[in-house]
Amino acid sequence: MNQDEVDKIIAEAVAESKRESKKKWHKGKSSNDSVATARQVLNWTFMVGFVAAIIIYFALPDQRVLFFSVGFGAVVLKLVEFYLRFMF
């Protein structure tokens, strides 16, 4: 076995390893489009809730319960989206 054959075997093994690693960590587009759509909706709803909580904090400083309710609700939505990202 000469040096060229050894280099070819190593290059093939490295290429195969990269393909397997890419499949494992980078799934690309979700196999289930409904999960991807749900994640997008949850993410946008979280952003709207977060902005609403900030507006409530500065516009209605005496309404702490409303601020915490909206803020906590936004965080719960983000946690659900985070769960969907890694489970599906």
N, C-alpha and C. Protein backbone atom coordinates (compact mmCIF):
# COMPACT_ATOMS: atom_id res chain seq x y z
N MET A 1 0.86 -1.17 0.00
CA MET A 1 0.00 0.00 0.00
C MET A 1 0.90 1.23 0.00
N ASN A 2 0.70 2.11 -1.00
CA ASN A 2 1.55 3.29 -1.08
C ASN A 2 0.87 4.50 -0.43
N GLN A 3 1.57 5.61 -0.43
CA GLN A 3 1.11 6.82 0.24
C GLN A 3 -0.17 7.37 -0.40
N ASP A 4 -0.29 7.29 -1.70
CA ASP A 4 -1.49 7.79 -2.39
C ASP A 4 -2.75 7.03 -1.97
N GLU A 5 -2.64 5.72 -1.85
CA GLU A 5 -3.79 4.91 -1.43
C GLU A 5 -4.19 5.24 0.00
N VAL A 6 -3.21 5.42 0.87
CA VAL A 6 -3.49 5.76 2.26
C VAL A 6 -4.18 7.13 2.34
N ASP A 7 -3.68 8.10 1.58
CA ASP A 7 -4.28 9.44 1.57
C ASP A 7 -5.72 9.39 1.05
N LYS A 8 -5.97 8.57 0.04
CA LYS A 8 -7.31 8.44 -0.52
C LYS A 8 -8.27 7.84 0.52
N ILE A 9 -7.83 6.82 1.24
CA ILE A 9 -8.67 6.19 2.28
C ILE A 9 -8.97 7.19 3.39
N ILE A 10 -7.97 7.95 3.79
CA ILE A 10 -8.17 8.94 4.86
C ILE A 10 -9.14 10.03 4.40
N ALA A 11 -8.98 10.49 3.16
CA ALA A 11 -9.87 11.53 2.64
C ALA A 11 -11.31 11.04 2.56
N GLU A 12 -11.52 9.81 2.14
CA GLU A 12 -12.87 9.24 2.10
C GLU A 12 -13.47 9.12 3.49
N ALA A 13 -12.66 8.70 4.47
CA ALA A 13 -13.15 8.56 5.84
C ALA A 13 -13.53 9.91 6.43
N VAL A 14 -12.73 10.93 6.15
CA VAL A 14 -13.02 12.28 6.65
C VAL A 14 -14.30 12.82 6.00
N ALA A 15 -14.45 12.61 4.70
CA ALA A 15 -15.65 13.08 4.00
C ALA A 15 -16.90 12.39 4.55
N GLU A 16 -16.82 11.09 4.78
CA GLU A 16 -17.96 10.34 5.34
C GLU A 16 -18.30 10.83 6.74
N SER A 17 -17.26 11.09 7.54
CA SER A 17 -17.48 11.58 8.89
C SER A 17 -18.18 12.94 8.87
N LYS A 18 -17.78 13.81 7.96
CA LYS A 18 -18.42 15.12 7.85
C LYS A 18 -19.88 15.00 7.43
N ARG A 19 -20.17 14.09 6.50
CA ARG A 19 -21.56 13.89 6.07
C ARG A 19 -22.42 13.40 7.24
N GLU A 20 -21.91 12.45 8.00
CA GLU A 20 -22.66 11.93 9.14
C GLU A 20 -22.86 13.00 10.21
N SER A 21 -21.83 13.78 10.45
CA SER A 21 -21.93 14.85 11.45
C SER A 21 -22.95 15.90 11.02
N LYS A 22 -22.96 16.23 9.74
CA LYS A 22 -23.91 17.22 9.24
C LYS A 22 -25.33 16.71 9.37
N LYS A 23 -25.56 15.44 9.10
CA LYS A 23 -26.88 14.86 9.24
C LYS A 23 -27.33 14.88 10.69
N LYS A 24 -26.41 14.63 11.59
CA LYS A 24 -26.76 14.53 13.01
C LYS A 24 -27.11 15.89 13.60
N TRP A 25 -26.34 16.92 13.29
CA TRP A 25 -26.51 18.21 13.95
C TRP A 25 -27.28 19.22 13.14
N HIS A 26 -27.27 19.11 11.83
CA HIS A 26 -27.95 20.09 10.99
C HIS A 26 -29.02 19.39 10.18
N LYS A 27 -30.18 19.30 10.76
CA LYS A 27 -31.26 18.60 10.10
C LYS A 27 -31.81 19.37 8.91
N GLY A 28 -31.51 20.66 8.85
CA GLY A 28 -32.05 21.46 7.75
C GLY A 28 -33.51 21.75 8.01
N LYS A 29 -34.29 21.74 6.96
CA LYS A 29 -35.72 21.98 7.11
C LYS A 29 -36.36 20.82 7.85
N SER A 30 -37.21 21.16 8.76
CA SER A 30 -37.86 20.14 9.57
C SER A 30 -38.63 19.17 8.70
N SER A 31 -38.60 17.91 9.09
CA SER A 31 -39.34 16.92 8.32
C SER A 31 -40.84 17.13 8.47
N ASN A 32 -41.24 17.82 9.53
CA ASN A 32 -42.65 18.08 9.76
C ASN A 32 -42.88 19.58 9.64
N ASP A 33 -43.52 20.00 8.55
CA ASP A 33 -43.72 21.43 8.32
C ASP A 33 -44.65 22.06 9.35
N SER A 34 -45.55 21.28 9.94
CA SER A 34 -46.44 21.85 10.94
C SER A 34 -45.66 22.26 12.20
N VAL A 35 -44.62 21.52 12.53
CA VAL A 35 -43.80 21.89 13.69
C VAL A 35 -43.04 23.18 13.39
N ALA A 36 -42.51 23.29 12.19
CA ALA A 36 -41.80 24.51 11.81
C ALA A 36 -42.73 25.72 11.82
N THR A 37 -43.94 25.54 11.34
CA THR A 37 -44.92 26.63 11.34
C THR A 37 -45.30 27.00 12.77
N ALA A 38 -45.51 26.01 13.61
CA ALA A 38 -45.85 26.27 15.02
C ALA A 38 -44.72 27.01 15.71
N ARG A 39 -43.48 26.64 15.42
CA ARG A 39 -42.33 27.33 16.02
C ARG A 39 -42.28 28.78 15.59
N GLN A 40 -42.54 29.04 14.31
CA GLN A 40 -42.54 30.42 13.83
C GLN A 40 -43.63 31.25 14.50
N VAL A 41 -44.82 30.68 14.60
CA VAL A 41 -45.93 31.40 15.24
C VAL A 41 -45.60 31.67 16.71
N LEU A 42 -45.09 30.67 17.41
CA LEU A 42 -44.73 30.86 18.82
C LEU A 42 -43.63 31.90 18.98
N ASN A 43 -42.67 31.90 18.09
CA ASN A 43 -41.57 32.86 18.18
C ASN A 43 -42.08 34.28 17.95
N TRP A 44 -42.92 34.48 16.95
CA TRP A 44 -43.47 35.81 16.71
C TRP A 44 -44.37 36.27 17.86
N THR A 45 -45.15 35.35 18.40
CA THR A 45 -46.02 35.70 19.53
C THR A 45 -45.18 36.07 20.74
N PHE A 46 -44.08 35.36 20.95
CA PHE A 46 -43.17 35.71 22.04
C PHE A 46 -42.64 37.13 21.87
N MET A 47 -42.21 37.46 20.65
CA MET A 47 -41.66 38.80 20.41
C MET A 47 -42.70 39.89 20.65
N VAL A 48 -43.92 39.66 20.22
CA VAL A 48 -44.99 40.63 20.44
C VAL A 48 -45.27 40.76 21.94
N GLY A 49 -45.32 39.64 22.64
CA GLY A 49 -45.54 39.67 24.08
C GLY A 49 -44.43 40.37 24.83
N PHE A 50 -43.20 40.16 24.40
CA PHE A 50 -42.06 40.82 25.03
C PHE A 50 -42.14 42.33 24.86
N VAL A 51 -42.43 42.77 23.63
CA VAL A 51 -42.57 44.21 23.38
C VAL A 51 -43.74 44.78 24.17
N ALA A 52 -44.84 44.05 24.25
CA ALA A 52 -45.99 44.51 25.03
C ALA A 52 -45.63 44.65 26.51
N ALA A 53 -44.85 43.70 27.02
CA ALA A 53 -44.44 43.78 28.43
C ALA A 53 -43.56 45.00 28.67
N ILE A 54 -42.66 45.31 27.76
CA ILE A 54 -41.80 46.49 27.92
C ILE A 54 -42.64 47.76 27.86
N ILE A 55 -43.59 47.82 26.94
CA ILE A 55 -44.47 49.00 26.85
C ILE A 55 -45.28 49.15 28.13
N ILE A 56 -45.82 48.06 28.64
CA ILE A 56 -46.60 48.12 29.89
C ILE A 56 -45.73 48.58 31.04
N TYR A 57 -44.49 48.12 31.09
CA TYR A 57 -43.58 48.50 32.18
C TYR A 57 -43.38 50.00 32.24
N PHE A 58 -43.18 50.63 31.06
CA PHE A 58 -42.92 52.07 31.05
C PHE A 58 -44.19 52.91 31.00
N ALA A 59 -45.23 52.44 30.33
CA ALA A 59 -46.45 53.24 30.18
C ALA A 59 -47.35 53.16 31.42
N LEU A 60 -47.38 52.00 32.05
CA LEU A 60 -48.24 51.80 33.23
C LEU A 60 -47.39 51.28 34.40
N PRO A 61 -46.59 52.14 35.01
CA PRO A 61 -45.68 51.66 36.06
C PRO A 61 -46.39 51.09 37.29
N ASP A 62 -47.64 51.47 37.52
CA ASP A 62 -48.35 50.96 38.69
C ASP A 62 -49.01 49.60 38.43
N GLN A 63 -48.99 49.13 37.21
CA GLN A 63 -49.61 47.85 36.84
C GLN A 63 -48.56 46.73 36.80
N ARG A 64 -47.96 46.46 37.94
CA ARG A 64 -46.91 45.42 38.00
C ARG A 64 -47.45 44.03 37.72
N VAL A 65 -48.67 43.73 38.18
CA VAL A 65 -49.23 42.40 37.97
C VAL A 65 -49.44 42.15 36.47
N LEU A 66 -49.92 43.14 35.75
CA LEU A 66 -50.11 43.01 34.31
C LEU A 66 -48.77 42.82 33.61
N PHE A 67 -47.77 43.61 34.02
CA PHE A 67 -46.44 43.48 33.43
C PHE A 67 -45.88 42.08 33.65
N PHE A 68 -45.95 41.56 34.87
CA PHE A 68 -45.42 40.23 35.15
C PHE A 68 -46.23 39.14 34.44
N SER A 69 -47.52 39.32 34.32
CA SER A 69 -48.35 38.33 33.64
C SER A 69 -48.00 38.24 32.15
N VAL A 70 -47.91 39.39 31.50
CA VAL A 70 -47.57 39.41 30.08
C VAL A 70 -46.15 38.91 29.87
N GLY A 71 -45.23 39.35 30.70
CA GLY A 71 -43.84 38.91 30.58
C GLY A 71 -43.68 37.42 30.81
N PHE A 72 -44.33 36.90 31.84
CA PHE A 72 -44.25 35.47 32.12
C PHE A 72 -44.91 34.66 31.01
N GLY A 73 -46.02 35.16 30.48
CA GLY A 73 -46.67 34.48 29.36
C GLY A 73 -45.77 34.40 28.14
N ALA A 74 -45.04 35.49 27.87
CA ALA A 74 -44.10 35.50 26.74
C ALA A 74 -42.98 34.49 26.96
N VAL A 75 -42.48 34.42 28.17
CA VAL A 75 -41.40 33.47 28.47
C VAL A 75 -41.90 32.02 28.33
N VAL A 76 -43.11 31.76 28.75
CA VAL A 76 -43.68 30.41 28.61
C VAL A 76 -43.78 30.04 27.13
N LEU A 77 -44.21 30.98 26.29
CA LEU A 77 -44.27 30.72 24.85
C LEU A 77 -42.89 30.40 24.29
N LYS A 78 -41.88 31.13 24.75
CA LYS A 78 -40.52 30.87 24.27
C LYS A 78 -40.04 29.50 24.73
N LEU A 79 -40.38 29.10 25.93
CA LEU A 79 -39.98 27.77 26.41
C LEU A 79 -40.64 26.66 25.60
N VAL A 80 -41.90 26.86 25.22
CA VAL A 80 -42.58 25.86 24.38
C VAL A 80 -41.90 25.79 23.02
N GLU A 81 -41.55 26.94 22.44
CA GLU A 81 -40.85 26.95 21.16
C GLU A 81 -39.49 26.28 21.27
N PHE A 82 -38.79 26.53 22.35
CA PHE A 82 -37.48 25.91 22.61
C PHE A 82 -37.62 24.40 22.71
N TYR A 83 -38.66 23.93 23.38
CA TYR A 83 -38.93 22.49 23.50
C TYR A 83 -39.19 21.87 22.12
N LEU A 84 -40.00 22.55 21.30
CA LEU A 84 -40.29 22.02 19.97
C LEU A 84 -39.05 21.98 19.09
N ARG A 85 -38.16 22.95 19.28
CA ARG A 85 -36.95 22.99 18.46
C ARG A 85 -36.08 21.76 18.67
N PHE A 86 -35.95 21.33 19.90
CA PHE A 86 -35.04 20.24 20.19
C PHE A 86 -35.70 18.87 20.25
N MET A 87 -37.02 18.82 20.28
CA MET A 87 -37.69 17.53 20.36
C MET A 87 -38.16 17.03 19.00
N PHE A 88 -38.31 17.92 18.02
CA PHE A 88 -38.81 17.48 16.72
C PHE A 88 -37.90 17.94 15.61
